PDB file of all heavy atoms in Angstrom:
ATOM      1  N   ASP A   1      85.133  98.921 104.227  1.00  0.00           N
ATOM      2  CA  ASP A   1      85.632  97.607 103.832  1.00  0.00           C
ATOM      3  C   ASP A   1      86.804  97.681 102.914  1.00  0.00           C
ATOM      4  O   ASP A   1      87.246  98.770 102.524  1.00  0.00           O
ATOM      5  CB  ASP A   1      84.522  96.741 103.239  1.00  0.00           C
ATOM      6  CG  ASP A   1      83.900  97.381 101.954  1.00  0.00           C
ATOM      7  OD1 ASP A   1      84.507  98.318 101.415  1.00  0.00           O
ATOM      8  OD2 ASP A   1      82.874  96.896 101.491  1.00  0.00           O
ATOM      9  N   LEU A   2      87.319  96.522 102.508  1.00  0.00           N
ATOM     10  CA  LEU A   2      88.532  96.522 101.706  1.00  0.00           C
ATOM     11  C   LEU A   2      88.290  97.165 100.334  1.00  0.00           C
ATOM     12  O   LEU A   2      89.190  97.898  99.871  1.00  0.00           O
ATOM     13  CB  LEU A   2      88.921  95.012 101.457  1.00  0.00           C
ATOM     14  CG  LEU A   2      90.182  94.789 100.659  1.00  0.00           C
ATOM     15  CD1 LEU A   2      91.413  95.462 101.214  1.00  0.00           C
ATOM     16  CD2 LEU A   2      90.451  93.269 100.473  1.00  0.00           C
ATOM     17  N   LYS A   3      87.103  96.989  99.758  1.00  0.00           N
ATOM     18  CA  LYS A   3      86.831  97.594  98.455  1.00  0.00           C
ATOM     19  C   LYS A   3      86.958  99.144  98.464  1.00  0.00           C
ATOM     20  O   LYS A   3      87.439  99.762  97.560  1.00  0.00           O
ATOM     21  CB  LYS A   3      85.427  97.255  97.993  1.00  0.00           C
ATOM     22  CG  LYS A   3      85.057  97.785  96.612  1.00  0.00           C
ATOM     23  CD  LYS A   3      83.650  97.454  96.232  1.00  0.00           C
ATOM     24  CE  LYS A   3      83.351  98.053  94.828  1.00  0.00           C
ATOM     25  NZ  LYS A   3      83.544  99.475  94.711  1.00  0.00           N
ATOM     26  N   TYR A   4      86.498  99.730  99.623  1.00  0.00           N
ATOM     27  CA  TYR A   4      86.642 101.187  99.760  1.00  0.00           C
ATOM     28  C   TYR A   4      88.079 101.647  99.604  1.00  0.00           C
ATOM     29  O   TYR A   4      88.362 102.582  98.891  1.00  0.00           O
ATOM     30  CB  TYR A   4      86.117 101.597 101.122  1.00  0.00           C
ATOM     31  CG  TYR A   4      86.371 103.030 101.512  1.00  0.00           C
ATOM     32  CD1 TYR A   4      85.582 104.063 101.052  1.00  0.00           C
ATOM     33  CD2 TYR A   4      87.396 103.353 102.365  1.00  0.00           C
ATOM     34  CE1 TYR A   4      85.818 105.374 101.349  1.00  0.00           C
ATOM     35  CE2 TYR A   4      87.684 104.679 102.707  1.00  0.00           C
ATOM     36  CZ  TYR A   4      86.888 105.669 102.254  1.00  0.00           C
ATOM     37  OH  TYR A   4      87.143 106.985 102.568  1.00  0.00           O
ATOM     38  N   PHE A   5      89.031 100.941 100.228  1.00  0.00           N
ATOM     39  CA  PHE A   5      90.412 101.380 100.172  1.00  0.00           C
ATOM     40  C   PHE A   5      91.033 100.989  98.835  1.00  0.00           C
ATOM     41  O   PHE A   5      91.909 101.684  98.345  1.00  0.00           O
ATOM     42  CB  PHE A   5      91.179 100.688 101.385  1.00  0.00           C
ATOM     43  CG  PHE A   5      90.757 101.216 102.687  1.00  0.00           C
ATOM     44  CD1 PHE A   5      90.042 100.461 103.509  1.00  0.00           C
ATOM     45  CD2 PHE A   5      91.073 102.554 103.046  1.00  0.00           C
ATOM     46  CE1 PHE A   5      89.700 100.951 104.775  1.00  0.00           C
ATOM     47  CE2 PHE A   5      90.674 103.039 104.283  1.00  0.00           C
ATOM     48  CZ  PHE A   5      89.970 102.197 105.123  1.00  0.00           C
ATOM     49  N   ILE A   6      90.582  99.897  98.206  1.00  0.00           N
ATOM     50  CA  ILE A   6      91.068  99.574  96.875  1.00  0.00           C
ATOM     51  C   ILE A   6      90.652 100.633  95.878  1.00  0.00           C
ATOM     52  O   ILE A   6      91.438 101.040  95.057  1.00  0.00           O
ATOM     53  CB  ILE A   6      90.542  98.169  96.395  1.00  0.00           C
ATOM     54  CG1 ILE A   6      91.172  97.060  97.267  1.00  0.00           C
ATOM     55  CG2 ILE A   6      90.856  97.954  94.944  1.00  0.00           C
ATOM     56  CD1 ILE A   6      90.606  95.724  97.000  1.00  0.00           C
ATOM     57  N   ASP A   7      89.434 101.152  96.029  1.00  0.00           N
ATOM     58  CA  ASP A   7      88.968 102.239  95.169  1.00  0.00           C
ATOM     59  C   ASP A   7      89.788 103.508  95.367  1.00  0.00           C
ATOM     60  O   ASP A   7      90.171 104.236  94.385  1.00  0.00           O
ATOM     61  CB  ASP A   7      87.504 102.562  95.424  1.00  0.00           C
ATOM     62  CG  ASP A   7      86.550 101.475  94.971  1.00  0.00           C
ATOM     63  OD1 ASP A   7      87.030 100.651  94.122  1.00  0.00           O
ATOM     64  OD2 ASP A   7      85.354 101.397  95.360  1.00  0.00           O
ATOM     65  N   ILE A   8      90.101 103.847  96.617  1.00  0.00           N
ATOM     66  CA  ILE A   8      90.963 105.006  96.895  1.00  0.00           C
ATOM     67  C   ILE A   8      92.339 104.808  96.236  1.00  0.00           C
ATOM     68  O   ILE A   8      92.893 105.724  95.614  1.00  0.00           O
ATOM     69  CB  ILE A   8      91.185 105.175  98.442  1.00  0.00           C
ATOM     70  CG1 ILE A   8      89.842 105.514  99.142  1.00  0.00           C
ATOM     71  CG2 ILE A   8      92.241 106.184  98.731  1.00  0.00           C
ATOM     72  CD1 ILE A   8      89.381 106.930  98.858  1.00  0.00           C
ATOM     73  N   LEU A   9      92.864 103.637  96.357  1.00  0.00           N
ATOM     74  CA  LEU A   9      94.186 103.306  95.784  1.00  0.00           C
ATOM     75  C   LEU A   9      94.192 103.456  94.258  1.00  0.00           C
ATOM     76  O   LEU A   9      95.058 104.146  93.675  1.00  0.00           O
ATOM     77  CB  LEU A   9      94.582 101.924  96.153  1.00  0.00           C
ATOM     78  CG  LEU A   9      95.815 101.318  95.425  1.00  0.00           C
ATOM     79  CD1 LEU A   9      97.079 102.063  95.804  1.00  0.00           C
ATOM     80  CD2 LEU A   9      95.959  99.869  95.816  1.00  0.00           C
ATOM     81  N   THR A  10      93.220 102.821  93.574  1.00  0.00           N
ATOM     82  CA  THR A  10      93.251 102.861  92.100  1.00  0.00           C
ATOM     83  C   THR A  10      92.881 104.197  91.534  1.00  0.00           C
ATOM     84  O   THR A  10      93.272 104.508  90.370  1.00  0.00           O
ATOM     85  CB  THR A  10      92.288 101.763  91.581  1.00  0.00           C
ATOM     86  OG1 THR A  10      90.956 102.008  92.083  1.00  0.00           O
ATOM     87  CG2 THR A  10      92.741 100.387  92.016  1.00  0.00           C
ATOM     88  N   GLU A  11      92.195 105.028  92.248  1.00  0.00           N
ATOM     89  CA  GLU A  11      91.774 106.326  91.736  1.00  0.00           C
ATOM     90  C   GLU A  11      92.782 107.434  92.083  1.00  0.00           C
ATOM     91  O   GLU A  11      92.588 108.581  91.646  1.00  0.00           O
ATOM     92  CB  GLU A  11      90.385 106.684  92.321  1.00  0.00           C
ATOM     93  CG  GLU A  11      89.290 105.763  91.803  1.00  0.00           C
ATOM     94  CD  GLU A  11      87.983 105.910  92.592  1.00  0.00           C
ATOM     95  OE1 GLU A  11      87.939 106.874  93.441  1.00  0.00           O
ATOM     96  OE2 GLU A  11      87.073 105.082  92.404  1.00  0.00           O
ATOM     97  N   ASN A  12      93.793 107.114  92.957  1.00  0.00           N
ATOM     98  CA  ASN A  12      94.719 108.147  93.406  1.00  0.00           C
ATOM     99  C   ASN A  12      96.149 107.693  93.349  1.00  0.00           C
ATOM    100  O   ASN A  12      96.629 107.071  94.305  1.00  0.00           O
ATOM    101  CB  ASN A  12      94.347 108.594  94.807  1.00  0.00           C
ATOM    102  CG  ASN A  12      92.978 109.238  94.929  1.00  0.00           C
ATOM    103  OD1 ASN A  12      92.876 110.445  94.736  1.00  0.00           O
ATOM    104  ND2 ASN A  12      91.991 108.421  95.246  1.00  0.00           N
ATOM    105  N   ALA A  13      96.843 107.983  92.220  1.00  0.00           N
ATOM    106  CA  ALA A  13      98.244 107.593  92.130  1.00  0.00           C
ATOM    107  C   ALA A  13      99.076 108.740  92.737  1.00  0.00           C
ATOM    108  O   ALA A  13      99.945 109.350  92.116  1.00  0.00           O
ATOM    109  CB  ALA A  13      98.613 107.470  90.657  1.00  0.00           C
ATOM    110  N   ASN A  14      98.803 108.944  94.068  1.00  0.00           N
ATOM    111  CA  ASN A  14      99.495 110.043  94.799  1.00  0.00           C
ATOM    112  C   ASN A  14      99.527 109.632  96.280  1.00  0.00           C
ATOM    113  O   ASN A  14      99.229 108.476  96.612  1.00  0.00           O
ATOM    114  CB  ASN A  14      98.768 111.362  94.557  1.00  0.00           C
ATOM    115  CG  ASN A  14      97.235 111.236  94.784  1.00  0.00           C
ATOM    116  OD1 ASN A  14      96.828 110.715  95.841  1.00  0.00           O
ATOM    117  ND2 ASN A  14      96.423 111.684  93.890  1.00  0.00           N
ATOM    118  N   GLY A  15      99.779 110.644  97.113  1.00  0.00           N
ATOM    119  CA  GLY A  15      99.881 110.337  98.514  1.00  0.00           C
ATOM    120  C   GLY A  15      98.620 109.766  99.155  1.00  0.00           C
ATOM    121  O   GLY A  15      98.762 108.981 100.167  1.00  0.00           O
ATOM    122  N   LEU A  16      97.499 110.046  98.608  1.00  0.00           N
ATOM    123  CA  LEU A  16      96.260 109.476  99.193  1.00  0.00           C
ATOM    124  C   LEU A  16      96.244 107.961  98.907  1.00  0.00           C
ATOM    125  O   LEU A  16      95.894 107.205  99.729  1.00  0.00           O
ATOM    126  CB  LEU A  16      95.020 110.170  98.519  1.00  0.00           C
ATOM    127  CG  LEU A  16      93.667 109.757  98.993  1.00  0.00           C
ATOM    128  CD1 LEU A  16      93.561 109.872 100.512  1.00  0.00           C
ATOM    129  CD2 LEU A  16      92.538 110.638  98.287  1.00  0.00           C
ATOM    130  N   GLY A  17      96.538 107.565  97.653  1.00  0.00           N
ATOM    131  CA  GLY A  17      96.590 106.160  97.335  1.00  0.00           C
ATOM    132  C   GLY A  17      97.740 105.479  98.114  1.00  0.00           C
ATOM    133  O   GLY A  17      97.529 104.267  98.523  1.00  0.00           O
ATOM    134  N   GLU A  18      98.817 106.199  98.355  1.00  0.00           N
ATOM    135  CA  GLU A  18      99.931 105.592  99.133  1.00  0.00           C
ATOM    136  C   GLU A  18      99.478 105.289 100.562  1.00  0.00           C
ATOM    137  O   GLU A  18      99.721 104.139 101.054  1.00  0.00           O
ATOM    138  CB  GLU A  18     101.089 106.565  99.102  1.00  0.00           C
ATOM    139  CG  GLU A  18     101.753 106.757  97.804  1.00  0.00           C
ATOM    140  CD  GLU A  18     102.737 107.942  97.778  1.00  0.00           C
ATOM    141  OE1 GLU A  18     103.078 108.472  98.858  1.00  0.00           O
ATOM    142  OE2 GLU A  18     103.134 108.332  96.702  1.00  0.00           O
ATOM    143  N   ASP A  19      98.762 106.180 101.137  1.00  0.00           N
ATOM    144  CA  ASP A  19      98.243 105.955 102.481  1.00  0.00           C
ATOM    145  C   ASP A  19      97.279 104.799 102.537  1.00  0.00           C
ATOM    146  O   ASP A  19      97.355 103.924 103.407  1.00  0.00           O
ATOM    147  CB  ASP A  19      97.497 107.193 102.956  1.00  0.00           C
ATOM    148  CG  ASP A  19      97.042 107.116 104.452  1.00  0.00           C
ATOM    149  OD1 ASP A  19      96.150 106.311 104.746  1.00  0.00           O
ATOM    150  OD2 ASP A  19      97.583 107.865 105.296  1.00  0.00           O
ATOM    151  N   ALA A  20      96.388 104.678 101.557  1.00  0.00           N
ATOM    152  CA  ALA A  20      95.382 103.631 101.483  1.00  0.00           C
ATOM    153  C   ALA A  20      96.085 102.259 101.408  1.00  0.00           C
ATOM    154  O   ALA A  20      95.664 101.313 102.049  1.00  0.00           O
ATOM    155  CB  ALA A  20      94.468 103.813 100.353  1.00  0.00           C
ATOM    156  N   LEU A  21      97.175 102.160 100.624  1.00  0.00           N
ATOM    157  CA  LEU A  21      97.837 100.876 100.431  1.00  0.00           C
ATOM    158  C   LEU A  21      98.709 100.523 101.661  1.00  0.00           C
ATOM    159  O   LEU A  21      98.571  99.468 102.205  1.00  0.00           O
ATOM    160  CB  LEU A  21      98.758 100.960  99.211  1.00  0.00           C
ATOM    161  CG  LEU A  21      99.583  99.714  98.948  1.00  0.00           C
ATOM    162  CD1 LEU A  21      98.707  98.515  98.593  1.00  0.00           C
ATOM    163  CD2 LEU A  21     100.588  99.916  97.835  1.00  0.00           C
ATOM    164  N   TRP A  22      99.491 101.458 102.105  1.00  0.00           N
ATOM    165  CA  TRP A  22     100.482 101.157 103.132  1.00  0.00           C
ATOM    166  C   TRP A  22      99.923 101.007 104.511  1.00  0.00           C
ATOM    167  O   TRP A  22     100.330 100.166 105.310  1.00  0.00           O
ATOM    168  CB  TRP A  22     101.578 102.277 103.167  1.00  0.00           C
ATOM    169  CG  TRP A  22     102.305 102.416 101.882  1.00  0.00           C
ATOM    170  CD1 TRP A  22     102.474 101.492 100.898  1.00  0.00           C
ATOM    171  CD2 TRP A  22     103.008 103.604 101.451  1.00  0.00           C
ATOM    172  NE1 TRP A  22     103.181 102.042  99.882  1.00  0.00           N
ATOM    173  CE2 TRP A  22     103.537 103.361 100.150  1.00  0.00           C
ATOM    174  CE3 TRP A  22     103.172 104.859 102.018  1.00  0.00           C
ATOM    175  CZ2 TRP A  22     104.282 104.291  99.462  1.00  0.00           C
ATOM    176  CZ3 TRP A  22     103.930 105.819 101.286  1.00  0.00           C
ATOM    177  CH2 TRP A  22     104.459 105.541 100.059  1.00  0.00           C
ATOM    178  N   PHE A  23      98.917 101.862 104.862  1.00  0.00           N
ATOM    179  CA  PHE A  23      98.411 101.900 106.254  1.00  0.00           C
ATOM    180  C   PHE A  23      97.009 101.301 106.410  1.00  0.00           C
ATOM    181  O   PHE A  23      96.560 101.194 107.570  1.00  0.00           O
ATOM    182  CB  PHE A  23      98.500 103.328 106.742  1.00  0.00           C
ATOM    183  CG  PHE A  23      99.863 103.945 106.592  1.00  0.00           C
ATOM    184  CD1 PHE A  23     100.023 105.206 106.063  1.00  0.00           C
ATOM    185  CD2 PHE A  23     100.993 103.276 106.948  1.00  0.00           C
ATOM    186  CE1 PHE A  23     101.303 105.773 105.897  1.00  0.00           C
ATOM    187  CE2 PHE A  23     102.215 103.770 106.813  1.00  0.00           C
ATOM    188  CZ  PHE A  23     102.397 105.073 106.240  1.00  0.00           C
ATOM    189  N   GLN A  24      96.315 101.062 105.362  1.00  0.00           N
ATOM    190  CA  GLN A  24      94.968 100.571 105.450  1.00  0.00           C
ATOM    191  C   GLN A  24      94.802  99.134 104.882  1.00  0.00           C
ATOM    192  O   GLN A  24      94.549  98.169 105.562  1.00  0.00           O
ATOM    193  CB  GLN A  24      93.941 101.503 104.856  1.00  0.00           C
ATOM    194  CG  GLN A  24      94.024 102.935 105.336  1.00  0.00           C
ATOM    195  CD  GLN A  24      93.924 103.101 106.825  1.00  0.00           C
ATOM    196  OE1 GLN A  24      93.168 102.377 107.490  1.00  0.00           O
ATOM    197  NE2 GLN A  24      94.660 103.930 107.435  1.00  0.00           N
ATOM    198  N   ILE A  25      95.082  99.080 103.550  1.00  0.00           N
ATOM    199  CA  ILE A  25      94.948  97.773 102.902  1.00  0.00           C
ATOM    200  C   ILE A  25      95.789  96.704 103.498  1.00  0.00           C
ATOM    201  O   ILE A  25      95.413  95.565 103.709  1.00  0.00           O
ATOM    202  CB  ILE A  25      95.198  97.905 101.347  1.00  0.00           C
ATOM    203  CG1 ILE A  25      94.125  98.745 100.724  1.00  0.00           C
ATOM    204  CG2 ILE A  25      95.377  96.543 100.711  1.00  0.00           C
ATOM    205  CD1 ILE A  25      94.405  99.099  99.276  1.00  0.00           C
ATOM    206  N   SER A  26      97.052  97.066 103.863  1.00  0.00           N
ATOM    207  CA  SER A  26      98.019  96.127 104.417  1.00  0.00           C
ATOM    208  C   SER A  26      97.629  95.693 105.827  1.00  0.00           C
ATOM    209  O   SER A  26      98.171  94.695 106.329  1.00  0.00           O
ATOM    210  CB  SER A  26      99.409  96.646 104.408  1.00  0.00           C
ATOM    211  OG  SER A  26      99.492  97.830 105.279  1.00  0.00           O
ATOM    212  N   ASP A  27      96.608  96.388 106.422  1.00  0.00           N
ATOM    213  CA  ASP A  27      96.178  95.986 107.790  1.00  0.00           C
ATOM    214  C   ASP A  27      95.010  95.021 107.753  1.00  0.00           C
ATOM    215  O   ASP A  27      94.499  94.657 108.814  1.00  0.00           O
ATOM    216  CB  ASP A  27      95.723  97.266 108.513  1.00  0.00           C
ATOM    217  CG  ASP A  27      96.944  97.925 109.296  1.00  0.00           C
ATOM    218  OD1 ASP A  27      97.955  97.316 109.319  1.00  0.00           O
ATOM    219  OD2 ASP A  27      96.706  99.050 109.837  1.00  0.00           O
ATOM    220  N   PHE A  28      94.589  94.585 106.612  1.00  0.00           N
ATOM    221  CA  PHE A  28      93.441  93.695 106.503  1.00  0.00           C
ATOM    222  C   PHE A  28      93.754  92.228 106.662  1.00  0.00           C
ATOM    223  O   PHE A  28      92.959  91.392 106.394  1.00  0.00           O
ATOM    224  CB  PHE A  28      92.723  93.904 105.169  1.00  0.00           C
ATOM    225  CG  PHE A  28      91.645  94.969 105.182  1.00  0.00           C
ATOM    226  CD1 PHE A  28      91.973  96.345 105.071  1.00  0.00           C
ATOM    227  CD2 PHE A  28      90.296  94.630 105.370  1.00  0.00           C
ATOM    228  CE1 PHE A  28      90.968  97.317 105.107  1.00  0.00           C
ATOM    229  CE2 PHE A  28      89.310  95.584 105.415  1.00  0.00           C
ATOM    230  CZ  PHE A  28      89.687  96.886 105.310  1.00  0.00           C
ATOM    231  N   GLU A  29      94.994  91.932 107.148  1.00  0.00           N
ATOM    232  CA  GLU A  29      95.420  90.519 107.324  1.00  0.00           C
ATOM    233  C   GLU A  29      95.149  89.735 106.080  1.00  0.00           C
ATOM    234  O   GLU A  29      94.557  88.653 106.080  1.00  0.00           O
ATOM    235  CB  GLU A  29      94.661  89.906 108.534  1.00  0.00           C
ATOM    236  CG  GLU A  29      94.969  90.629 109.846  1.00  0.00           C
ATOM    237  CD  GLU A  29      94.300  89.971 111.004  1.00  0.00           C
ATOM    238  OE1 GLU A  29      93.645  88.931 110.855  1.00  0.00           O
ATOM    239  OE2 GLU A  29      94.440  90.448 112.130  1.00  0.00           O
ATOM    240  N   LEU A  30      95.697  90.228 104.988  1.00  0.00           N
ATOM    241  CA  LEU A  30      95.506  89.634 103.710  1.00  0.00           C
ATOM    242  C   LEU A  30      96.372  88.361 103.599  1.00  0.00           C
ATOM    243  O   LEU A  30      97.438  88.339 104.151  1.00  0.00           O
ATOM    244  CB  LEU A  30      95.933  90.617 102.555  1.00  0.00           C
ATOM    245  CG  LEU A  30      95.178  91.926 102.509  1.00  0.00           C
ATOM    246  CD1 LEU A  30      95.887  92.846 101.551  1.00  0.00           C
ATOM    247  CD2 LEU A  30      93.716  91.706 102.042  1.00  0.00           C
ATOM    248  N   THR A  31      95.881  87.452 102.891  1.00  0.00           N
ATOM    249  CA  THR A  31      96.744  86.268 102.503  1.00  0.00           C
ATOM    250  C   THR A  31      97.689  86.696 101.424  1.00  0.00           C
ATOM    251  O   THR A  31      97.413  87.709 100.722  1.00  0.00           O
ATOM    252  CB  THR A  31      95.882  85.092 102.025  1.00  0.00           C
ATOM    253  OG1 THR A  31      95.279  85.453 100.762  1.00  0.00           O
ATOM    254  CG2 THR A  31      94.814  84.684 103.003  1.00  0.00           C
TER     255      THR A  31
END
């Protein structure tokens, strides 16, 4: 779920967090 990727993002200020934000979180059709 979204929380899983938010946790990845906030815990990894590196390429792992970048992937979570750019290619996963942004795919959740967020408002």
